Structure formats: structure tokens, C-alpha cells
């Protein structure tokens, strides 16, 4: 039996996919790096200032309460009765997530306490109340 040798011109006839794969992986890395993974509540609130405020690692679930009594979670307005279910749904992906309540300084304290109570009923033990440190 004789073995046939392929000529070099036959080997070069195929398409080399290596440069295309390199470009695809570079684009994938670019999109991952430039995408934002920061969770936001959806509205801007004026948090009260406190002398004892300290910087904490950012919470995974952000809840905002504005002066008009609106509650925002994950850029969506939420009724007080749906806070517990929404937090439970968000915790499915990250079971060890913490919650930060961003209450406006003019928001009703009773509503803020109700929100924090619903978060604790959802099984979150680590609930923080956002405040701005004095002098910042």
C-alpha cells in the first residue's frame, strides 16, 4: 500500500477560522467589561445625613422610597404588598444578597419601617438604611 502525499496547495485551500474566533472572543470580553452590573433602585432620593454613617459594601438589592410614598425596586414601582414577593424573587439568583433601603429624608418613617419589615419577612437578615456621611 502506498500512502499519498497531499500537496501544500490542497492544505491551504481550507478556511482558517482562528482569526475570526480571536475577534469574537475579544468582542465578548469587551462587552462583559463595559456592561454595568450595578443594581439600581430606579429613582434618585435625597438620603439624610448622619455623623455615624460608614461606607458599606454595596447591597445587591436596592429599594428606594420617595417622599410621595412610592417604592421602587429594580427600576420598577412596587406596591408595599408586593415588596416581600419581589425581594424573594430577586433572592432566587443570589441567596446571600443584602438589601439597602434608600429612603428620602422627607419619606414617611412608617412606610420605611413597613418596607424593612417586608424585607425581613422575605428572609433577608442583612438590611441597611442608606445615609450620607457628614462632610461628604
N, C-alpha and C. Protein backbone atom coordinates (compact mmCIF):
# COMPACT_ATOMS: atom_id res chain seq x y z
N UNK A 1 0.82 -1.17 0.00
CA UNK A 1 0.00 0.00 0.00
C UNK A 1 0.87 1.24 0.00
N UNK A 2 0.47 2.10 -0.84
CA UNK A 2 1.19 3.35 -0.92
C UNK A 2 0.38 4.47 -0.27
N UNK A 3 1.08 5.32 0.42
CA UNK A 3 0.43 6.48 1.01
C UNK A 3 0.59 7.66 0.08
N UNK A 4 -0.49 8.35 -0.10
CA UNK A 4 -0.44 9.52 -0.98
C UNK A 4 -0.07 10.74 -0.16
N UNK A 5 0.70 11.55 -0.72
CA UNK A 5 1.07 12.81 -0.09
C UNK A 5 0.22 13.91 -0.67
N UNK A 6 -0.33 14.73 0.23
CA UNK A 6 -1.10 15.88 -0.23
C UNK A 6 -0.14 17.01 -0.56
N UNK A 7 -0.45 17.68 -1.58
CA UNK A 7 0.40 18.82 -1.91
C UNK A 7 0.06 19.99 -1.00
N UNK A 8 0.96 20.92 -0.88
CA UNK A 8 0.75 22.06 0.01
C UNK A 8 -0.37 22.97 -0.49
N UNK A 9 -0.66 22.95 -1.76
CA UNK A 9 -1.74 23.79 -2.28
C UNK A 9 -3.10 23.29 -1.80
N UNK A 10 -3.26 21.98 -1.59
CA UNK A 10 -4.52 21.45 -1.08
C UNK A 10 -4.74 21.81 0.38
N UNK A 11 -3.68 21.87 1.16
CA UNK A 11 -3.79 22.20 2.58
C UNK A 11 -4.18 23.67 2.77
N UNK A 12 -3.74 24.52 1.89
CA UNK A 12 -4.04 25.94 2.02
C UNK A 12 -5.42 26.30 1.47
N UNK A 13 -6.09 25.36 0.89
CA UNK A 13 -7.40 25.64 0.30
C UNK A 13 -8.48 25.81 1.36
N UNK A 14 -8.29 25.28 2.59
CA UNK A 14 -9.27 25.41 3.66
C UNK A 14 -9.30 26.81 4.25
N UNK A 15 -10.39 27.14 4.92
CA UNK A 15 -10.54 28.45 5.55
C UNK A 15 -10.04 28.36 6.98
N UNK A 16 -9.17 29.27 7.34
CA UNK A 16 -8.62 29.31 8.70
C UNK A 16 -9.56 30.15 9.57
N UNK A 17 -10.18 29.54 10.57
CA UNK A 17 -11.15 30.21 11.43
C UNK A 17 -10.52 30.85 12.68
N UNK A 18 -9.25 30.65 12.90
CA UNK A 18 -8.60 31.16 14.10
C UNK A 18 -8.72 32.68 14.24
N UNK A 19 -8.44 33.47 13.22
CA UNK A 19 -8.59 34.93 13.39
C UNK A 19 -10.03 35.35 13.70
N UNK A 20 -11.01 34.67 13.12
CA UNK A 20 -12.40 35.01 13.39
C UNK A 20 -12.75 34.70 14.85
N UNK A 21 -12.28 33.57 15.35
CA UNK A 21 -12.54 33.23 16.76
C UNK A 21 -11.86 34.21 17.70
N UNK A 22 -10.68 34.66 17.34
CA UNK A 22 -9.99 35.66 18.16
C UNK A 22 -10.81 36.95 18.25
N UNK A 23 -11.34 37.38 17.13
CA UNK A 23 -12.15 38.60 17.11
C UNK A 23 -13.41 38.42 17.94
N UNK A 24 -14.06 37.26 17.85
CA UNK A 24 -15.27 37.00 18.61
C UNK A 24 -14.97 37.03 20.11
N UNK A 25 -13.88 36.41 20.54
CA UNK A 25 -13.54 36.41 21.97
C UNK A 25 -13.17 37.81 22.46
N UNK A 26 -12.50 38.59 21.64
CA UNK A 26 -12.17 39.96 22.03
C UNK A 26 -13.44 40.79 22.18
N UNK A 27 -14.40 40.62 21.26
CA UNK A 27 -15.66 41.34 21.38
C UNK A 27 -16.44 40.90 22.62
N UNK A 28 -16.42 39.62 22.93
CA UNK A 28 -17.09 39.12 24.13
C UNK A 28 -16.49 39.75 25.39
N UNK A 29 -15.18 39.80 25.47
CA UNK A 29 -14.52 40.41 26.62
C UNK A 29 -14.87 41.89 26.70
N UNK A 30 -14.90 42.58 25.56
CA UNK A 30 -15.25 44.00 25.54
C UNK A 30 -16.65 44.22 26.10
N UNK A 31 -17.63 43.43 25.67
CA UNK A 31 -18.99 43.63 26.14
C UNK A 31 -19.15 43.27 27.62
N UNK A 32 -18.44 42.29 28.09
CA UNK A 32 -18.51 41.93 29.50
C UNK A 32 -17.93 43.04 30.36
N UNK A 33 -16.80 43.58 29.95
CA UNK A 33 -16.14 44.62 30.74
C UNK A 33 -16.95 45.92 30.73
N UNK A 34 -17.56 46.27 29.61
CA UNK A 34 -18.26 47.54 29.53
C UNK A 34 -19.68 47.49 30.06
N UNK A 35 -20.23 46.31 30.26
CA UNK A 35 -21.60 46.24 30.79
C UNK A 35 -21.60 46.56 32.28
N UNK A 36 -22.69 47.09 32.73
CA UNK A 36 -22.81 47.51 34.13
C UNK A 36 -23.58 46.45 34.91
N UNK A 37 -23.00 46.02 36.02
CA UNK A 37 -23.65 45.03 36.86
C UNK A 37 -24.17 45.63 38.15
N UNK A 38 -24.18 46.95 38.25
CA UNK A 38 -24.63 47.61 39.47
C UNK A 38 -26.15 47.65 39.48
N UNK A 39 -26.71 47.19 40.57
CA UNK A 39 -28.16 47.24 40.71
C UNK A 39 -28.55 48.64 41.16
N UNK A 40 -29.62 49.13 40.59
CA UNK A 40 -30.12 50.44 40.97
C UNK A 40 -31.59 50.33 41.32
N UNK A 41 -32.02 51.25 42.17
CA UNK A 41 -33.42 51.22 42.58
C UNK A 41 -34.34 51.78 41.52
N UNK A 42 -33.90 52.74 40.75
CA UNK A 42 -34.71 53.28 39.68
C UNK A 42 -35.02 54.76 39.82
N UNK A 43 -34.90 55.31 41.01
CA UNK A 43 -35.13 56.75 41.21
C UNK A 43 -34.01 57.30 42.09
N UNK A 44 -33.87 58.60 42.06
CA UNK A 44 -32.88 59.27 42.90
C UNK A 44 -33.58 59.83 44.12
N UNK A 45 -33.02 59.54 45.28
CA UNK A 45 -33.59 60.06 46.52
C UNK A 45 -32.54 60.86 47.26
N UNK A 46 -32.99 61.81 48.06
CA UNK A 46 -32.12 62.63 48.89
C UNK A 46 -32.01 61.96 50.26
N UNK A 47 -30.96 61.17 50.45
CA UNK A 47 -30.82 60.45 51.72
C UNK A 47 -30.41 61.41 52.83
N UNK A 48 -30.86 61.15 54.03
CA UNK A 48 -30.48 62.02 55.15
C UNK A 48 -29.00 61.85 55.49
N UNK A 49 -28.45 62.85 56.14
CA UNK A 49 -27.05 62.77 56.54
C UNK A 49 -26.96 62.33 58.00
N UNK A 50 -25.84 61.66 58.30
CA UNK A 50 -25.61 61.17 59.67
C UNK A 50 -24.13 61.23 59.99
N UNK A 51 -23.80 61.64 61.19
CA UNK A 51 -22.39 61.69 61.61
C UNK A 51 -21.80 60.29 61.73
N UNK A 52 -22.61 59.33 62.07
CA UNK A 52 -22.11 57.97 62.30
C UNK A 52 -22.18 57.08 61.06
N UNK A 53 -22.55 57.65 59.90
CA UNK A 53 -22.65 56.85 58.68
C UNK A 53 -21.28 56.33 58.27
N UNK A 54 -21.25 55.08 57.87
CA UNK A 54 -20.00 54.48 57.40
C UNK A 54 -20.26 53.81 56.06
N UNK A 55 -19.20 53.75 55.26
CA UNK A 55 -19.34 53.15 53.94
C UNK A 55 -19.44 51.64 54.07
N UNK A 56 -20.40 51.10 53.39
CA UNK A 56 -20.65 49.65 53.41
C UNK A 56 -20.48 49.12 52.00
N UNK A 57 -20.19 47.83 51.89
CA UNK A 57 -20.20 47.24 50.55
C UNK A 57 -21.59 47.40 49.95
N UNK A 58 -21.64 47.65 48.70
CA UNK A 58 -22.91 47.92 48.03
C UNK A 58 -23.83 46.73 48.13
N UNK A 59 -25.09 47.00 48.41
CA UNK A 59 -26.08 45.94 48.52
C UNK A 59 -26.45 45.38 47.16
N UNK A 60 -26.90 44.16 47.15
CA UNK A 60 -27.29 43.53 45.90
C UNK A 60 -28.69 43.95 45.47
N UNK A 61 -29.54 44.25 46.43
CA UNK A 61 -30.91 44.65 46.13
C UNK A 61 -31.12 46.05 46.69
N UNK A 62 -31.47 46.99 45.81
CA UNK A 62 -31.66 48.37 46.23
C UNK A 62 -33.15 48.69 46.19
N UNK A 63 -33.65 49.24 47.29
CA UNK A 63 -35.06 49.65 47.38
C UNK A 63 -35.08 51.14 47.71
N UNK A 64 -35.82 51.91 46.92
CA UNK A 64 -35.92 53.36 47.15
C UNK A 64 -37.33 53.72 47.56
N UNK A 65 -37.42 54.66 48.51
CA UNK A 65 -38.72 55.18 48.96
C UNK A 65 -38.64 56.70 48.82
N UNK A 66 -39.55 57.26 48.02
CA UNK A 66 -39.52 58.71 47.80
C UNK A 66 -40.55 59.41 48.70
N UNK A 67 -40.53 60.75 48.74
CA UNK A 67 -41.45 61.49 49.63
C UNK A 67 -42.93 61.29 49.30
N UNK A 68 -43.23 60.90 48.06
CA UNK A 68 -44.63 60.70 47.66
C UNK A 68 -45.15 59.32 48.08
N UNK A 69 -44.31 58.51 48.71
CA UNK A 69 -44.73 57.19 49.17
C UNK A 69 -44.57 56.10 48.13
N UNK A 70 -43.87 56.38 47.05
CA UNK A 70 -43.63 55.36 46.03
C UNK A 70 -42.42 54.51 46.41
N UNK A 71 -42.52 53.23 46.14
CA UNK A 71 -41.44 52.29 46.42
C UNK A 71 -40.94 51.76 45.08
N UNK A 72 -39.63 51.81 44.88
CA UNK A 72 -39.02 51.37 43.63
C UNK A 72 -38.01 50.27 43.92
N UNK A 73 -38.12 49.18 43.19
CA UNK A 73 -37.15 48.09 43.27
C UNK A 73 -36.79 47.69 41.85
N UNK A 74 -35.51 47.65 41.56
CA UNK A 74 -35.02 47.20 40.25
C UNK A 74 -35.67 48.01 39.12
N UNK A 75 -35.72 49.33 39.28
CA UNK A 75 -36.25 50.28 38.31
C UNK A 75 -37.73 50.09 38.00
N UNK A 76 -38.46 49.49 38.92
CA UNK A 76 -39.90 49.28 38.75
C UNK A 76 -40.63 49.77 39.99
N UNK A 77 -41.73 50.50 39.83
CA UNK A 77 -42.52 50.86 41.01
C UNK A 77 -43.21 49.62 41.57
N UNK A 78 -43.21 49.50 42.89
CA UNK A 78 -43.75 48.31 43.55
C UNK A 78 -44.68 48.76 44.67
N UNK A 79 -45.80 48.08 44.82
CA UNK A 79 -46.72 48.34 45.91
C UNK A 79 -46.14 47.71 47.19
N UNK A 80 -46.49 48.27 48.33
CA UNK A 80 -45.97 47.76 49.61
C UNK A 80 -46.33 46.29 49.81
N UNK A 81 -47.47 45.87 49.28
CA UNK A 81 -47.89 44.48 49.43
C UNK A 81 -47.06 43.52 48.57
N UNK A 82 -46.35 44.05 47.56
CA UNK A 82 -45.56 43.21 46.66
C UNK A 82 -44.07 43.24 46.98
N UNK A 83 -43.66 43.99 47.99
CA UNK A 83 -42.24 44.10 48.31
C UNK A 83 -41.67 42.74 48.70
N UNK A 84 -42.36 42.03 49.56
CA UNK A 84 -41.87 40.73 50.04
C UNK A 84 -41.68 39.76 48.87
N UNK A 85 -42.67 39.65 48.00
CA UNK A 85 -42.59 38.72 46.86
C UNK A 85 -41.48 39.13 45.90
N UNK A 86 -41.32 40.44 45.68
CA UNK A 86 -40.28 40.92 44.77
C UNK A 86 -38.90 40.61 45.30
N UNK A 87 -38.69 40.84 46.59
CA UNK A 87 -37.39 40.55 47.20
C UNK A 87 -37.11 39.05 47.17
N UNK A 88 -38.12 38.24 47.45
CA UNK A 88 -37.94 36.78 47.38
C UNK A 88 -37.56 36.35 45.97
N UNK A 89 -38.19 36.96 44.96
CA UNK A 89 -37.88 36.62 43.57
C UNK A 89 -36.45 37.02 43.21
N UNK A 90 -36.01 38.20 43.66
CA UNK A 90 -34.66 38.65 43.37
C UNK A 90 -33.60 37.83 44.10
N UNK A 91 -33.97 37.26 45.23
CA UNK A 91 -33.01 36.46 46.00
C UNK A 91 -32.84 35.05 45.46
N UNK A 92 -33.65 34.63 44.52
CA UNK A 92 -33.50 33.30 43.95
C UNK A 92 -32.14 33.17 43.27
N UNK A 93 -31.72 34.22 42.55
CA UNK A 93 -30.43 34.19 41.86
C UNK A 93 -29.27 34.33 42.83
N UNK A 94 -29.44 35.14 43.87
CA UNK A 94 -28.36 35.40 44.84
C UNK A 94 -28.90 35.22 46.25
N UNK A 95 -28.83 34.00 46.77
CA UNK A 95 -29.42 33.75 48.09
C UNK A 95 -28.76 34.51 49.25
N UNK A 96 -27.50 34.90 49.10
CA UNK A 96 -26.81 35.61 50.19
C UNK A 96 -26.82 37.12 50.00
N UNK A 97 -27.73 37.62 49.19
CA UNK A 97 -27.75 39.05 48.88
C UNK A 97 -28.22 39.87 50.08
N UNK A 98 -27.70 41.10 50.13
CA UNK A 98 -28.13 42.03 51.16
C UNK A 98 -29.02 43.09 50.52
N UNK A 99 -29.76 43.80 51.36
CA UNK A 99 -30.71 44.80 50.87
C UNK A 99 -30.34 46.15 51.47
N UNK A 100 -30.37 47.19 50.62
CA UNK A 100 -30.15 48.56 51.08
C UNK A 100 -31.43 49.34 50.78
N UNK A 101 -32.01 49.94 51.80
CA UNK A 101 -33.19 50.78 51.65
C UNK A 101 -32.73 52.22 51.56
N UNK A 102 -33.00 52.87 50.43
CA UNK A 102 -32.65 54.26 50.22
C UNK A 102 -33.91 55.10 50.43
N UNK A 103 -34.10 55.56 51.64
CA UNK A 103 -35.29 56.34 51.96
C UNK A 103 -34.96 57.82 51.85
N UNK A 104 -35.81 58.57 51.18
CA UNK A 104 -35.65 60.01 51.08
C UNK A 104 -35.81 60.62 52.48
N UNK A 105 -35.11 61.72 52.72
CA UNK A 105 -35.19 62.33 54.05
C UNK A 105 -36.58 62.85 54.38
N UNK A 106 -37.43 63.05 53.35
CA UNK A 106 -38.79 63.51 53.58
C UNK A 106 -39.82 62.38 53.48
N UNK A 107 -39.35 61.13 53.34
CA UNK A 107 -40.27 59.99 53.26
C UNK A 107 -40.86 59.70 54.64
N UNK A 108 -42.07 59.16 54.66
CA UNK A 108 -42.72 58.81 55.93
C UNK A 108 -41.98 57.65 56.59
N UNK A 109 -41.65 57.82 57.84
CA UNK A 109 -40.90 56.78 58.56
C UNK A 109 -41.72 55.50 58.69
N UNK A 110 -43.03 55.62 58.80
CA UNK A 110 -43.88 54.43 58.90
C UNK A 110 -43.78 53.56 57.66
N UNK A 111 -43.73 54.18 56.49
CA UNK A 111 -43.62 53.42 55.24
C UNK A 111 -42.25 52.75 55.14
N UNK A 112 -41.20 53.46 55.56
CA UNK A 112 -39.85 52.89 55.53
C UNK A 112 -39.77 51.67 56.45
N UNK A 113 -40.39 51.76 57.61
CA UNK A 113 -40.40 50.62 58.54
C UNK A 113 -41.19 49.46 57.97
N UNK A 114 -42.29 49.74 57.29
CA UNK A 114 -43.07 48.68 56.64
C UNK A 114 -42.23 47.99 55.56
N UNK A 115 -41.48 48.76 54.78
CA UNK A 115 -40.63 48.20 53.73
C UNK A 115 -39.57 47.29 54.37
N UNK A 116 -38.91 47.79 55.41
CA UNK A 116 -37.88 46.98 56.08
C UNK A 116 -38.48 45.72 56.70
N UNK A 117 -39.69 45.82 57.22
CA UNK A 117 -40.36 44.65 57.79
C UNK A 117 -40.65 43.61 56.70
N UNK A 118 -41.13 44.06 55.54
CA UNK A 118 -41.42 43.14 54.44
C UNK A 118 -40.14 42.46 53.94
N UNK A 119 -39.03 43.21 53.93
CA UNK A 119 -37.74 42.63 53.51
C UNK A 119 -37.31 41.55 54.49
N UNK A 120 -37.47 41.82 55.78
CA UNK A 120 -37.09 40.81 56.78
C UNK A 120 -38.01 39.59 56.71
N UNK A 121 -39.30 39.79 56.43
CA UNK A 121 -40.22 38.66 56.26
C UNK A 121 -39.87 37.83 55.02
N UNK A 122 -39.17 38.46 54.06
CA UNK A 122 -38.73 37.74 52.86
C UNK A 122 -37.50 36.89 53.15
N UNK A 123 -36.97 36.97 54.36
CA UNK A 123 -35.84 36.13 54.74
C UNK A 123 -34.49 36.80 54.69
N UNK A 124 -34.46 38.12 54.54
CA UNK A 124 -33.19 38.85 54.48
C UNK A 124 -32.88 39.38 55.88
N UNK A 125 -31.77 38.91 56.43
CA UNK A 125 -31.38 39.37 57.76
C UNK A 125 -30.54 40.65 57.68
N UNK A 126 -29.85 40.84 56.58
CA UNK A 126 -28.93 41.97 56.41
C UNK A 126 -29.63 43.09 55.65
N UNK A 127 -30.29 43.99 56.37
CA UNK A 127 -30.98 45.13 55.78
C UNK A 127 -30.31 46.40 56.29
N UNK A 128 -29.88 47.26 55.36
CA UNK A 128 -29.22 48.52 55.74
C UNK A 128 -30.07 49.69 55.28
N UNK A 129 -29.98 50.77 56.01
CA UNK A 129 -30.66 52.02 55.67
C UNK A 129 -29.60 53.00 55.19
N UNK A 130 -29.73 53.50 53.97
CA UNK A 130 -28.73 54.38 53.37
C UNK A 130 -28.76 55.75 53.99
N UNK A 131 -27.57 56.32 54.22
CA UNK A 131 -27.43 57.69 54.73
C UNK A 131 -26.14 58.26 54.14
N UNK A 132 -26.10 59.58 54.04
CA UNK A 132 -24.92 60.27 53.56
C UNK A 132 -24.10 60.69 54.77
N UNK A 133 -22.79 60.42 54.74
CA UNK A 133 -21.93 60.81 55.85
C UNK A 133 -21.74 62.33 55.84
N UNK A 134 -21.69 62.92 57.02
CA UNK A 134 -21.49 64.37 57.15
C UNK A 134 -20.13 64.74 56.56
N UNK A 135 -20.10 65.89 55.90
CA UNK A 135 -18.84 66.38 55.36
C UNK A 135 -18.49 65.79 54.01
N UNK A 136 -19.37 65.04 53.39
CA UNK A 136 -19.06 64.45 52.08
C UNK A 136 -19.85 65.13 51.02
